Each structure stands twice: as C-alpha cells, then as structure tokens.
PDB file of N, CA and C in Angstrom:
ATOM      1  N   UNK A   1     100.079   5.995 124.544  1.00  0.00           N
ATOM      2  CA  UNK A   1      99.174   6.420 125.583  1.00  0.00           C
ATOM      3  C   UNK A   1      98.104   5.439 125.861  1.00  0.00           C
ATOM      4  N   UNK A   2      97.488   5.397 127.066  1.00  0.00           N
ATOM      5  CA  UNK A   2      96.280   4.592 127.236  1.00  0.00           C
ATOM      6  C   UNK A   2      95.033   5.253 126.811  1.00  0.00           C
ATOM      7  N   UNK A   3      94.042   4.419 126.832  1.00  0.00           N
ATOM      8  CA  UNK A   3      92.778   5.000 126.252  1.00  0.00           C
ATOM      9  C   UNK A   3      92.193   6.103 127.114  1.00  0.00           C
ATOM     10  N   UNK A   4      92.350   6.128 128.308  1.00  0.00           N
ATOM     11  CA  UNK A   4      91.853   7.261 129.193  1.00  0.00           C
ATOM     12  C   UNK A   4      92.644   8.520 129.017  1.00  0.00           C
ATOM     13  N   UNK A   5      93.926   8.434 128.835  1.00  0.00           N
ATOM     14  CA  UNK A   5      94.766   9.544 128.523  1.00  0.00           C
ATOM     15  C   UNK A   5      94.422  10.106 127.221  1.00  0.00           C
ATOM     16  N   UNK A   6      94.158   9.297 126.218  1.00  0.00           N
ATOM     17  CA  UNK A   6      93.675   9.857 124.902  1.00  0.00           C
ATOM     18  C   UNK A   6      92.537  10.591 125.016  1.00  0.00           C
ATOM     19  N   UNK A   7      91.370  10.074 125.648  1.00  0.00           N
ATOM     20  CA  UNK A   7      90.259  10.832 125.735  1.00  0.00           C
ATOM     21  C   UNK A   7      90.372  12.108 126.659  1.00  0.00           C
ATOM     22  N   UNK A   8      91.174  12.095 127.678  1.00  0.00           N
ATOM     23  CA  UNK A   8      91.187  13.154 128.519  1.00  0.00           C
ATOM     24  C   UNK A   8      92.070  14.373 127.830  1.00  0.00           C
ATOM     25  N   UNK A   9      92.832  14.078 126.828  1.00  0.00           N
ATOM     26  CA  UNK A   9      93.592  15.104 126.223  1.00  0.00           C
ATOM     27  C   UNK A   9      92.577  16.090 125.446  1.00  0.00           C
ATOM     28  N   UNK A  10      91.503  15.648 124.982  1.00  0.00           N
ATOM     29  CA  UNK A  10      90.579  16.459 124.258  1.00  0.00           C
ATOM     30  C   UNK A  10      89.172  16.190 124.547  1.00  0.00           C
ATOM     31  N   UNK A  11      88.407  16.881 125.304  1.00  0.00           N
ATOM     32  CA  UNK A  11      87.057  16.680 125.666  1.00  0.00           C
ATOM     33  C   UNK A  11      86.142  16.322 124.457  1.00  0.00           C
ATOM     34  N   UNK A  12      86.455  16.842 123.286  1.00  0.00           N
ATOM     35  CA  UNK A  12      85.657  16.719 122.136  1.00  0.00           C
ATOM     36  C   UNK A  12      85.694  15.263 121.765  1.00  0.00           C
ATOM     37  N   UNK A  13      86.748  14.477 122.017  1.00  0.00           N
ATOM     38  CA  UNK A  13      86.854  13.170 121.655  1.00  0.00           C
ATOM     39  C   UNK A  13      85.837  12.298 122.426  1.00  0.00           C
ATOM     40  N   UNK A  14      85.655  12.463 123.719  1.00  0.00           N
ATOM     41  CA  UNK A  14      84.835  11.690 124.526  1.00  0.00           C
ATOM     42  C   UNK A  14      83.267  11.769 124.147  1.00  0.00           C
ATOM     43  N   UNK A  15      82.899  13.035 123.682  1.00  0.00           N
ATOM     44  CA  UNK A  15      81.548  13.212 123.374  1.00  0.00           C
ATOM     45  C   UNK A  15      81.106  13.094 121.904  1.00  0.00           C
ATOM     46  N   UNK A  16      82.140  12.843 120.968  1.00  0.00           N
ATOM     47  CA  UNK A  16      81.876  12.738 119.617  1.00  0.00           C
ATOM     48  C   UNK A  16      81.365  11.457 119.187  1.00  0.00           C
ATOM     49  N   UNK A  17      80.679  11.401 118.045  1.00  0.00           N
ATOM     50  CA  UNK A  17      80.294  10.250 117.321  1.00  0.00           C
ATOM     51  C   UNK A  17      81.549   9.580 116.806  1.00  0.00           C
ATOM     52  N   UNK A  18      81.746   8.248 116.800  1.00  0.00           N
ATOM     53  CA  UNK A  18      82.740   7.626 116.272  1.00  0.00           C
ATOM     54  C   UNK A  18      82.370   6.657 115.153  1.00  0.00           C
ATOM     55  N   UNK A  19      83.091   6.417 114.220  1.00  0.00           N
ATOM     56  CA  UNK A  19      82.881   5.520 113.106  1.00  0.00           C
ATOM     57  C   UNK A  19      83.948   4.436 113.152  1.00  0.00           C
ATOM     58  N   UNK A  20      83.511   3.212 113.362  1.00  0.00           N
ATOM     59  CA  UNK A  20      84.474   2.109 113.279  1.00  0.00           C
ATOM     60  C   UNK A  20      84.808   1.509 112.037  1.00  0.00           C
ATOM     61  N   UNK A  21      86.052   1.314 111.888  1.00  0.00           N
ATOM     62  CA  UNK A  21      86.566   0.706 110.566  1.00  0.00           C
ATOM     63  C   UNK A  21      87.082  -0.696 110.925  1.00  0.00           C
ATOM     64  N   UNK A  22      86.420  -1.549 111.686  1.00  0.00           N
ATOM     65  CA  UNK A  22      86.829  -2.814 111.793  1.00  0.00           C
ATOM     66  C   UNK A  22      87.525  -3.045 113.229  1.00  0.00           C
ATOM     67  N   UNK A  23      87.332  -4.327 113.792  1.00  0.00           N
ATOM     68  CA  UNK A  23      87.900  -4.622 114.990  1.00  0.00           C
ATOM     69  C   UNK A  23      88.856  -5.773 114.931  1.00  0.00           C
ATOM     70  N   UNK A  24      89.332  -6.226 113.891  1.00  0.00           N
ATOM     71  CA  UNK A  24      90.219  -7.444 113.754  1.00  0.00           C
ATOM     72  C   UNK A  24      91.517  -6.945 112.982  1.00  0.00           C
ATOM     73  N   UNK A  25      91.917  -5.841 113.171  1.00  0.00           N
ATOM     74  CA  UNK A  25      93.296  -5.500 112.584  1.00  0.00           C
ATOM     75  C   UNK A  25      94.413  -6.140 113.516  1.00  0.00           C
ATOM     76  N   UNK A  26      95.589  -6.385 112.923  1.00  0.00           N
ATOM     77  CA  UNK A  26      96.642  -6.889 113.738  1.00  0.00           C
ATOM     78  C   UNK A  26      97.904  -6.182 113.402  1.00  0.00           C
ATOM     79  N   UNK A  27      98.731  -6.202 114.458  1.00  0.00           N
ATOM     80  CA  UNK A  27     100.100  -5.567 114.291  1.00  0.00           C
ATOM     81  C   UNK A  27     101.088  -6.730 113.917  1.00  0.00           C
ATOM     82  N   UNK A  28     102.304  -6.339 113.921  1.00  0.00           N
ATOM     83  CA  UNK A  28     103.388  -7.363 113.537  1.00  0.00           C
ATOM     84  C   UNK A  28     103.515  -8.447 114.521  1.00  0.00           C
ATOM     85  N   UNK A  29     103.007  -8.193 115.847  1.00  0.00           N
ATOM     86  CA  UNK A  29     103.127  -9.218 116.745  1.00  0.00           C
ATOM     87  C   UNK A  29     101.851 -10.064 116.970  1.00  0.00           C
ATOM     88  N   UNK A  30     100.915  -9.757 116.047  1.00  0.00           N
ATOM     89  CA  UNK A  30      99.550 -10.503 116.094  1.00  0.00           C
ATOM     90  C   UNK A  30      98.565  -9.951 117.117  1.00  0.00           C
ATOM     91  N   UNK A  31      98.929  -8.705 117.699  1.00  0.00           N
ATOM     92  CA  UNK A  31      97.952  -8.106 118.696  1.00  0.00           C
ATOM     93  C   UNK A  31      96.748  -7.495 117.855  1.00  0.00           C
ATOM     94  N   UNK A  32      95.577  -7.937 118.356  1.00  0.00           N
ATOM     95  CA  UNK A  32      94.416  -7.377 117.713  1.00  0.00           C
ATOM     96  C   UNK A  32      94.119  -5.915 118.083  1.00  0.00           C
ATOM     97  N   UNK A  33      93.575  -5.194 117.108  1.00  0.00           N
ATOM     98  CA  UNK A  33      93.367  -3.792 117.279  1.00  0.00           C
ATOM     99  C   UNK A  33      92.073  -3.430 116.569  1.00  0.00           C
ATOM    100  N   UNK A  34      91.479  -2.215 117.088  1.00  0.00           N
ATOM    101  CA  UNK A  34      90.365  -1.578 116.424  1.00  0.00           C
ATOM    102  C   UNK A  34      90.682  -0.243 115.770  1.00  0.00           C
ATOM    103  N   UNK A  35      90.100   0.030 114.639  1.00  0.00           N
ATOM    104  CA  UNK A  35      90.380   1.237 113.924  1.00  0.00           C
ATOM    105  C   UNK A  35      89.110   2.197 114.036  1.00  0.00           C
ATOM    106  N   UNK A  36      89.286   3.407 114.462  1.00  0.00           N
ATOM    107  CA  UNK A  36      88.017   4.266 114.589  1.00  0.00           C
ATOM    108  C   UNK A  36      88.439   5.666 114.140  1.00  0.00           C
ATOM    109  N   UNK A  37      87.357   6.445 113.700  1.00  0.00           N
ATOM    110  CA  UNK A  37      87.402   7.747 113.296  1.00  0.00           C
ATOM    111  C   UNK A  37      86.560   8.605 114.140  1.00  0.00           C
ATOM    112  N   UNK A  38      87.091   9.667 114.732  1.00  0.00           N
ATOM    113  CA  UNK A  38      86.294  10.526 115.649  1.00  0.00           C
ATOM    114  C   UNK A  38      85.717  11.745 114.825  1.00  0.00           C
ATOM    115  N   UNK A  39      84.470  11.846 114.636  1.00  0.00           N
ATOM    116  CA  UNK A  39      83.867  12.810 113.823  1.00  0.00           C
ATOM    117  C   UNK A  39      84.171  14.230 114.226  1.00  0.00           C
ATOM    118  N   UNK A  40      84.076  14.648 115.420  1.00  0.00           N
ATOM    119  CA  UNK A  40      84.321  16.053 115.856  1.00  0.00           C
ATOM    120  C   UNK A  40      85.755  16.479 115.694  1.00  0.00           C
ATOM    121  N   UNK A  41      86.689  15.578 115.707  1.00  0.00           N
ATOM    122  CA  UNK A  41      88.092  16.054 115.608  1.00  0.00           C
ATOM    123  C   UNK A  41      88.763  15.587 114.249  1.00  0.00           C
ATOM    124  N   UNK A  42      88.149  14.629 113.566  1.00  0.00           N
ATOM    125  CA  UNK A  42      88.593  14.200 112.290  1.00  0.00           C
ATOM    126  C   UNK A  42      89.777  13.279 112.496  1.00  0.00           C
ATOM    127  N   UNK A  43      89.998  12.779 113.763  1.00  0.00           N
ATOM    128  CA  UNK A  43      91.068  11.913 114.047  1.00  0.00           C
ATOM    129  C   UNK A  43      90.820  10.416 113.820  1.00  0.00           C
ATOM    130  N   UNK A  44      91.821   9.735 113.190  1.00  0.00           N
ATOM    131  CA  UNK A  44      91.829   8.306 112.988  1.00  0.00           C
ATOM    132  C   UNK A  44      92.773   7.739 114.024  1.00  0.00           C
ATOM    133  N   UNK A  45      92.335   6.676 114.728  1.00  0.00           N
ATOM    134  CA  UNK A  45      93.203   6.101 115.778  1.00  0.00           C
ATOM    135  C   UNK A  45      92.900   4.639 115.775  1.00  0.00           C
ATOM    136  N   UNK A  46      94.101   3.953 116.286  1.00  0.00           N
ATOM    137  CA  UNK A  46      94.018   2.529 116.496  1.00  0.00           C
ATOM    138  C   UNK A  46      94.002   2.307 118.055  1.00  0.00           C
ATOM    139  N   UNK A  47      93.193   1.459 118.547  1.00  0.00           N
ATOM    140  CA  UNK A  47      93.156   1.127 119.902  1.00  0.00           C
ATOM    141  C   UNK A  47      93.526  -0.429 120.024  1.00  0.00           C
ATOM    142  N   UNK A  48      94.566  -0.778 120.593  1.00  0.00           N
ATOM    143  CA  UNK A  48      95.113  -2.050 120.752  1.00  0.00           C
ATOM    144  C   UNK A  48      94.725  -2.629 122.192  1.00  0.00           C
ATOM    145  N   UNK A  49      94.285  -3.743 122.264  1.00  0.00           N
ATOM    146  CA  UNK A  49      93.878  -4.329 123.576  1.00  0.00           C
ATOM    147  C   UNK A  49      94.434  -5.766 123.652  1.00  0.00           C
ATOM    148  N   UNK A  50      95.242  -5.937 124.579  1.00  0.00           N
ATOM    149  CA  UNK A  50      95.769  -7.410 124.682  1.00  0.00           C
ATOM    150  C   UNK A  50      94.545  -8.315 125.011  1.00  0.00           C
ATOM    151  N   UNK A  51      94.801  -9.554 124.678  1.00  0.00           N
ATOM    152  CA  UNK A  51      93.769 -10.598 124.807  1.00  0.00           C
ATOM    153  C   UNK A  51      93.441 -10.667 126.366  1.00  0.00           C
ATOM    154  N   UNK A  52      92.176 -10.527 126.781  1.00  0.00           N
ATOM    155  CA  UNK A  52      91.852 -10.693 128.229  1.00  0.00           C
ATOM    156  C   UNK A  52      92.188 -12.028 128.806  1.00  0.00           C
ATOM    157  N   UNK A  53      92.798 -12.160 129.907  1.00  0.00           N
ATOM    158  CA  UNK A  53      93.127 -13.372 130.552  1.00  0.00           C
ATOM    159  C   UNK A  53      91.882 -14.069 130.995  1.00  0.00           C
ATOM    160  N   UNK A  54      91.925 -15.478 131.080  1.00  0.00           N
ATOM    161  CA  UNK A  54      90.860 -16.212 131.626  1.00  0.00           C
ATOM    162  C   UNK A  54      90.984 -16.475 133.045  1.00  0.00           C
ATOM    163  N   UNK A  55      90.046 -16.481 133.886  1.00  0.00           N
ATOM    164  CA  UNK A  55      90.265 -16.781 135.280  1.00  0.00           C
ATOM    165  C   UNK A  55      89.195 -17.880 135.626  1.00  0.00           C
ATOM    166  N   UNK A  56      89.418 -18.516 136.797  1.00  0.00           N
ATOM    167  CA  UNK A  56      88.656 -19.626 137.249  1.00  0.00           C
ATOM    168  C   UNK A  56      87.998 -19.287 138.527  1.00  0.00           C
ATOM    169  N   UNK A  57      86.727 -19.619 138.709  1.00  0.00           N
ATOM    170  CA  UNK A  57      85.981 -19.279 139.981  1.00  0.00           C
ATOM    171  C   UNK A  57      86.149 -20.297 141.012  1.00  0.00           C
ATOM    172  N   UNK A  58      87.048 -21.381 140.854  1.00  0.00           N
ATOM    173  CA  UNK A  58      87.287 -22.302 141.839  1.00  0.00           C
ATOM    174  C   UNK A  58      86.524 -23.560 141.811  1.00  0.00           C
ATOM    175  N   UNK A  59      85.403 -23.516 140.992  1.00  0.00           N
ATOM    176  CA  UNK A  59      84.543 -24.655 140.820  1.00  0.00           C
ATOM    177  C   UNK A  59      84.542 -25.200 139.332  1.00  0.00           C
ATOM    178  N   UNK A  60      85.539 -24.554 138.690  1.00  0.00           N
ATOM    179  CA  UNK A  60      85.637 -25.100 137.151  1.00  0.00           C
ATOM    180  C   UNK A  60      85.125 -24.238 136.153  1.00  0.00           C
ATOM    181  N   UNK A  61      84.381 -23.181 136.563  1.00  0.00           N
ATOM    182  CA  UNK A  61      83.877 -22.280 135.520  1.00  0.00           C
ATOM    183  C   UNK A  61      84.953 -21.145 135.232  1.00  0.00           C
ATOM    184  N   UNK A  62      85.050 -20.898 133.924  1.00  0.00           N
ATOM    185  CA  UNK A  62      85.958 -19.824 133.422  1.00  0.00           C
ATOM    186  C   UNK A  62      85.224 -18.576 133.174  1.00  0.00           C
ATOM    187  N   UNK A  63      85.930 -17.477 133.298  1.00  0.00           N
ATOM    188  CA  UNK A  63      85.472 -16.130 133.020  1.00  0.00           C
ATOM    189  C   UNK A  63      86.560 -15.278 132.436  1.00  0.00           C
ATOM    190  N   UNK A  64      86.130 -14.244 131.772  1.00  0.00           N
ATOM    191  CA  UNK A  64      87.166 -13.309 131.237  1.00  0.00           C
ATOM    192  C   UNK A  64      87.394 -12.293 132.222  1.00  0.00           C
ATOM    193  N   UNK A  65      88.673 -12.083 132.683  1.00  0.00           N
ATOM    194  CA  UNK A  65      89.011 -11.053 133.667  1.00  0.00           C
ATOM    195  C   UNK A  65      88.932  -9.728 133.017  1.00  0.00           C
ATOM    196  N   UNK A  66      88.597  -8.633 133.856  1.00  0.00           N
ATOM    197  CA  UNK A  66      88.590  -7.258 133.363  1.00  0.00           C
ATOM    198  C   UNK A  66      90.093  -6.816 132.984  1.00  0.00           C
ATOM    199  N   UNK A  67      90.142  -6.176 131.876  1.00  0.00           N
ATOM    200  CA  UNK A  67      91.428  -5.588 131.484  1.00  0.00           C
ATOM    201  C   UNK A  67      91.533  -4.131 131.981  1.00  0.00           C
ATOM    202  N   UNK A  68      92.720  -3.918 132.703  1.00  0.00           N
ATOM    203  CA  UNK A  68      92.852  -2.478 133.231  1.00  0.00           C
ATOM    204  C   UNK A  68      92.896  -1.483 132.071  1.00  0.00           C
ATOM    205  N   UNK A  69      92.383  -0.239 132.191  1.00  0.00           N
ATOM    206  CA  UNK A  69      92.477   0.678 131.038  1.00  0.00           C
ATOM    207  C   UNK A  69      93.867   1.111 130.721  1.00  0.00           C
ATOM    208  N   UNK A  70      94.950   1.015 131.553  1.00  0.00           N
ATOM    209  CA  UNK A  70      96.229   1.322 131.149  1.00  0.00           C
ATOM    210  C   UNK A  70      96.844   0.250 130.256  1.00  0.00           C
ATOM    211  N   UNK A  71      96.167  -0.910 130.106  1.00  0.00           N
ATOM    212  CA  UNK A  71      96.660  -1.811 129.085  1.00  0.00           C
ATOM    213  C   UNK A  71      96.111  -1.611 127.709  1.00  0.00           C
ATOM    214  N   UNK A  72      95.149  -0.829 127.624  1.00  0.00           N
ATOM    215  CA  UNK A  72      94.510  -0.559 126.331  1.00  0.00           C
ATOM    216  C   UNK A  72      95.289   0.793 125.719  1.00  0.00           C
ATOM    217  N   UNK A  73      95.958   0.588 124.683  1.00  0.00           N
ATOM    218  CA  UNK A  73      96.826   1.672 124.223  1.00  0.00           C
ATOM    219  C   UNK A  73      96.179   2.203 122.839  1.00  0.00           C
ATOM    220  N   UNK A  74      96.449   3.472 122.688  1.00  0.00           N
ATOM    221  CA  UNK A  74      95.908   4.143 121.413  1.00  0.00           C
ATOM    222  C   UNK A  74      97.188   4.808 120.691  1.00  0.00           C
ATOM    223  N   UNK A  75      97.056   4.697 119.363  1.00  0.00           N
ATOM    224  CA  UNK A  75      97.966   5.245 118.407  1.00  0.00           C
ATOM    225  C   UNK A  75      97.213   6.172 117.473  1.00  0.00           C
ATOM    226  N   UNK A  76      97.436   7.485 117.508  1.00  0.00           N
ATOM    227  CA  UNK A  76      96.774   8.364 116.564  1.00  0.00           C
ATOM    228  C   UNK A  76      97.499   8.359 115.207  1.00  0.00           C
ATOM    229  N   UNK A  77      96.732   8.047 114.195  1.00  0.00           N
ATOM    230  CA  UNK A  77      97.253   7.824 112.876  1.00  0.00           C
ATOM    231  C   UNK A  77      97.188   9.078 112.007  1.00  0.00           C
ATOM    232  N   UNK A  78      96.358  10.047 112.384  1.00  0.00           N
ATOM    233  CA  UNK A  78      96.204  11.313 111.588  1.00  0.00           C
ATOM    234  C   UNK A  78      94.876  11.893 111.705  1.00  0.00           C
ATOM    235  N   UNK A  79      94.699  13.005 110.963  1.00  0.00           N
ATOM    236  CA  UNK A  79      93.406  13.700 110.976  1.00  0.00           C
ATOM    237  C   UNK A  79      92.924  13.919 109.589  1.00  0.00           C
ATOM    238  N   UNK A  80      91.661  13.737 109.507  1.00  0.00           N
ATOM    239  CA  UNK A  80      91.046  13.858 108.092  1.00  0.00           C
ATOM    240  C   UNK A  80      89.794  14.751 108.177  1.00  0.00           C
ATOM    241  N   UNK A  81      89.740  15.742 107.352  1.00  0.00           N
ATOM    242  CA  UNK A  81      88.740  16.784 107.490  1.00  0.00           C
ATOM    243  C   UNK A  81      87.250  16.310 107.262  1.00  0.00           C
ATOM    244  N   UNK A  82      87.125  15.152 106.563  1.00  0.00           N
ATOM    245  CA  UNK A  82      85.797  14.597 106.293  1.00  0.00           C
ATOM    246  C   UNK A  82      85.875  13.117 106.171  1.00  0.00           C
ATOM    247  N   UNK A  83      84.750  12.608 106.504  1.00  0.00           N
ATOM    248  CA  UNK A  83      84.683  11.139 106.467  1.00  0.00           C
ATOM    249  C   UNK A  83      84.810  10.583 105.073  1.00  0.00           C
ATOM    250  N   UNK A  84      84.362  11.417 104.092  1.00  0.00           N
ATOM    251  CA  UNK A  84      84.466  11.037 102.671  1.00  0.00           C
ATOM    252  C   UNK A  84      85.951  10.906 102.236  1.00  0.00           C
ATOM    253  N   UNK A  85      86.813  11.845 102.716  1.00  0.00           N
ATOM    254  CA  UNK A  85      88.268  11.937 102.516  1.00  0.00           C
ATOM    255  C   UNK A  85      88.893  10.742 103.036  1.00  0.00           C
ATOM    256  N   UNK A  86      88.566  10.325 104.304  1.00  0.00           N
ATOM    257  CA  UNK A  86      89.168   9.241 104.920  1.00  0.00           C
ATOM    258  C   UNK A  86      88.659   7.909 104.268  1.00  0.00           C
ATOM    259  N   UNK A  87      87.507   7.887 103.867  1.00  0.00           N
ATOM    260  CA  UNK A  87      86.944   6.637 103.164  1.00  0.00           C
ATOM    261  C   UNK A  87      87.681   6.401 101.777  1.00  0.00           C
ATOM    262  N   UNK A  88      88.036   7.461 101.118  1.00  0.00           N
ATOM    263  CA  UNK A  88      88.794   7.371  99.987  1.00  0.00           C
ATOM    264  C   UNK A  88      90.179   6.675 100.144  1.00  0.00           C
ATOM    265  N   UNK A  89      90.835   7.139 101.294  1.00  0.00           N
ATOM    266  CA  UNK A  89      92.065   6.576 101.679  1.00  0.00           C
ATOM    267  C   UNK A  89      92.004   5.116 102.053  1.00  0.00           C
ATOM    268  N   UNK A  90      90.886   4.786 102.752  1.00  0.00           N
ATOM    269  CA  UNK A  90      90.751   3.469 103.253  1.00  0.00           C
ATOM    270  C   UNK A  90      89.978   2.463 102.356  1.00  0.00           C
ATOM    271  N   UNK A  91      89.870   2.911 101.161  1.00  0.00           N
ATOM    272  CA  UNK A  91      89.144   2.007 100.179  1.00  0.00           C
ATOM    273  C   UNK A  91      89.776   0.628 100.211  1.00  0.00           C
ATOM    274  N   UNK A  92      88.764  -0.376 100.376  1.00  0.00           N
ATOM    275  CA  UNK A  92      89.241  -1.771 100.430  1.00  0.00           C
ATOM    276  C   UNK A  92      89.723  -2.230 101.780  1.00  0.00           C
ATOM    277  N   UNK A  93      89.348  -1.408 102.832  1.00  0.00           N
ATOM    278  CA  UNK A  93      89.786  -1.804 104.154  1.00  0.00           C
ATOM    279  C   UNK A  93      89.164  -3.191 104.644  1.00  0.00           C
ATOM    280  N   UNK A  94      87.979  -3.504 104.263  1.00  0.00           N
ATOM    281  CA  UNK A  94      87.366  -4.731 104.706  1.00  0.00           C
ATOM    282  C   UNK A  94      88.126  -5.925 104.347  1.00  0.00           C
ATOM    283  N   UNK A  95      88.755  -5.970 103.075  1.00  0.00           N
ATOM    284  CA  UNK A  95      89.490  -7.071 102.617  1.00  0.00           C
ATOM    285  C   UNK A  95      90.919  -7.069 103.216  1.00  0.00           C
ATOM    286  N   UNK A  96      91.514  -5.962 103.359  1.00  0.00           N
ATOM    287  CA  UNK A  96      92.885  -5.731 103.933  1.00  0.00           C
ATOM    288  C   UNK A  96      92.911  -6.142 105.483  1.00  0.00           C
ATOM    289  N   UNK A  97      91.819  -5.990 106.173  1.00  0.00           N
ATOM    290  CA  UNK A  97      91.854  -6.184 107.629  1.00  0.00           C
ATOM    291  C   UNK A  97      92.227  -7.613 108.010  1.00  0.00           C
ATOM    292  N   UNK A  98      91.919  -8.641 107.244  1.00  0.00           N
ATOM    293  CA  UNK A  98      92.130  -9.974 107.635  1.00  0.00           C
ATOM    294  C   UNK A  98      93.590 -10.457 107.416  1.00  0.00           C
ATOM    295  N   UNK A  99      94.391  -9.771 106.725  1.00  0.00           N
ATOM    296  CA  UNK A  99      95.817 -10.043 106.376  1.00  0.00           C
ATOM    297  C   UNK A  99      96.626 -10.011 107.648  1.00  0.00           C
ATOM    298  N   UNK A 100      97.856 -10.519 107.470  1.00  0.00           N
ATOM    299  CA  UNK A 100      98.767 -10.641 108.615  1.00  0.00           C
ATOM    300  C   UNK A 100      99.377  -9.108 108.631  1.00  0.00           C
ATOM    301  N   UNK A 101      99.647  -8.650 109.922  1.00  0.00           N
ATOM    302  CA  UNK A 101     100.169  -7.250 109.999  1.00  0.00           C
ATOM    303  C   UNK A 101      99.444  -6.201 109.260  1.00  0.00           C
ATOM    304  N   UNK A 102      98.017  -6.349 109.326  1.00  0.00           N
ATOM    305  CA  UNK A 102      97.191  -5.477 108.566  1.00  0.00           C
ATOM    306  C   UNK A 102      97.168  -4.125 108.898  1.00  0.00           C
ATOM    307  N   UNK A 103      97.759  -3.735 110.049  1.00  0.00           N
ATOM    308  CA  UNK A 103      97.736  -2.210 110.492  1.00  0.00           C
ATOM    309  C   UNK A 103      98.897  -1.544 109.648  1.00  0.00           C
ATOM    310  N   UNK A 104      99.820  -2.369 109.013  1.00  0.00           N
ATOM    311  CA  UNK A 104     100.756  -1.679 108.235  1.00  0.00           C
ATOM    312  C   UNK A 104     100.139  -1.182 106.900  1.00  0.00           C
ATOM    313  N   UNK A 105      99.061  -1.921 106.468  1.00  0.00           N
ATOM    314  CA  UNK A 105      98.255  -1.519 105.329  1.00  0.00           C
ATOM    315  C   UNK A 105      97.633  -0.095 105.490  1.00  0.00           C
ATOM    316  N   UNK A 106      97.034  -0.021 106.745  1.00  0.00           N
ATOM    317  CA  UNK A 106      96.357   1.170 107.179  1.00  0.00           C
ATOM    318  C   UNK A 106      97.371   2.271 107.271  1.00  0.00           C
ATOM    319  N   UNK A 107      98.498   2.152 107.970  1.00  0.00           N
ATOM    320  CA  UNK A 107      99.477   3.087 108.134  1.00  0.00           C
ATOM    321  C   UNK A 107     100.083   3.732 106.776  1.00  0.00           C
ATOM    322  N   UNK A 108     100.183   2.809 105.771  1.00  0.00           N
ATOM    323  CA  UNK A 108     100.646   3.098 104.537  1.00  0.00           C
ATOM    324  C   UNK A 108      99.605   3.975 103.702  1.00  0.00           C
ATOM    325  N   UNK A 109      98.357   3.593 103.881  1.00  0.00           N
ATOM    326  CA  UNK A 109      97.325   4.348 103.257  1.00  0.00           C
ATOM    327  C   UNK A 109      96.981   5.660 103.670  1.00  0.00           C
ATOM    328  N   UNK A 110      97.289   5.923 104.944  1.00  0.00           N
ATOM    329  CA  UNK A 110      96.893   7.176 105.592  1.00  0.00           C
ATOM    330  C   UNK A 110      98.156   8.079 105.775  1.00  0.00           C
ATOM    331  N   UNK A 111      99.337   7.588 105.437  1.00  0.00           N
ATOM    332  CA  UNK A 111     100.588   8.321 105.604  1.00  0.00           C
ATOM    333  C   UNK A 111     100.607   9.521 104.665  1.00  0.00           C
TER     334      UNK A 111
END
C-alpha cells in the first residue's frame, strides 16, 4: 500500500508520535527504506521510497523532482505493546542497518 493509504486506514497513525529506527535500510534490490514505530498503535513499519529522479531546469541546473505519494510504499511488520519490547527485539539495529539486504535482518528479528 502507499503511504497515504496506510495513514488513512487508521487516524491514530497520523496523529501519533513516531520513533525512527534508521533511514538507510535496504531490501534485496538495494531500495532504501526507513523503519519507524508508531507509539499510539504499537506498529512497526517500513517505508520504501525509490530514489527521486533528477530534473534539469534548461540552463544546466539540476534539481530533485517530487516523488508521487503512490510511489512511497509501506509494509507493516508487526505490533509491539511497548517501545521497550520492540527495542529488545531490535537490539543491534544500528550495526545491522548498513549491511546488504538489511531489511531481512529486521524481518527475522520481529517475526
């Protein structure tokens, strides 16, 4: 599902505090993703966003084009009743994040 669909499914998601667990996770294809926990719902999710394309303004300057929200996808990994419970599962996440296909590490830890 895309990011807007994800937030629209549960109004508590949009209003809640979120705790980020890194922005440089990668999937098997090398796509970068962010890992976050929503305090009010206890949900841990991955948000994957393709690399934004570069555009040119016609005189040689480059800029990052806007990414449509339907290109930003969300995968719900599970729910954890407390941040402490989740942090026990994710112990060592900072070191694991930089590895290849690092999202597999997360999925295995929270399964």
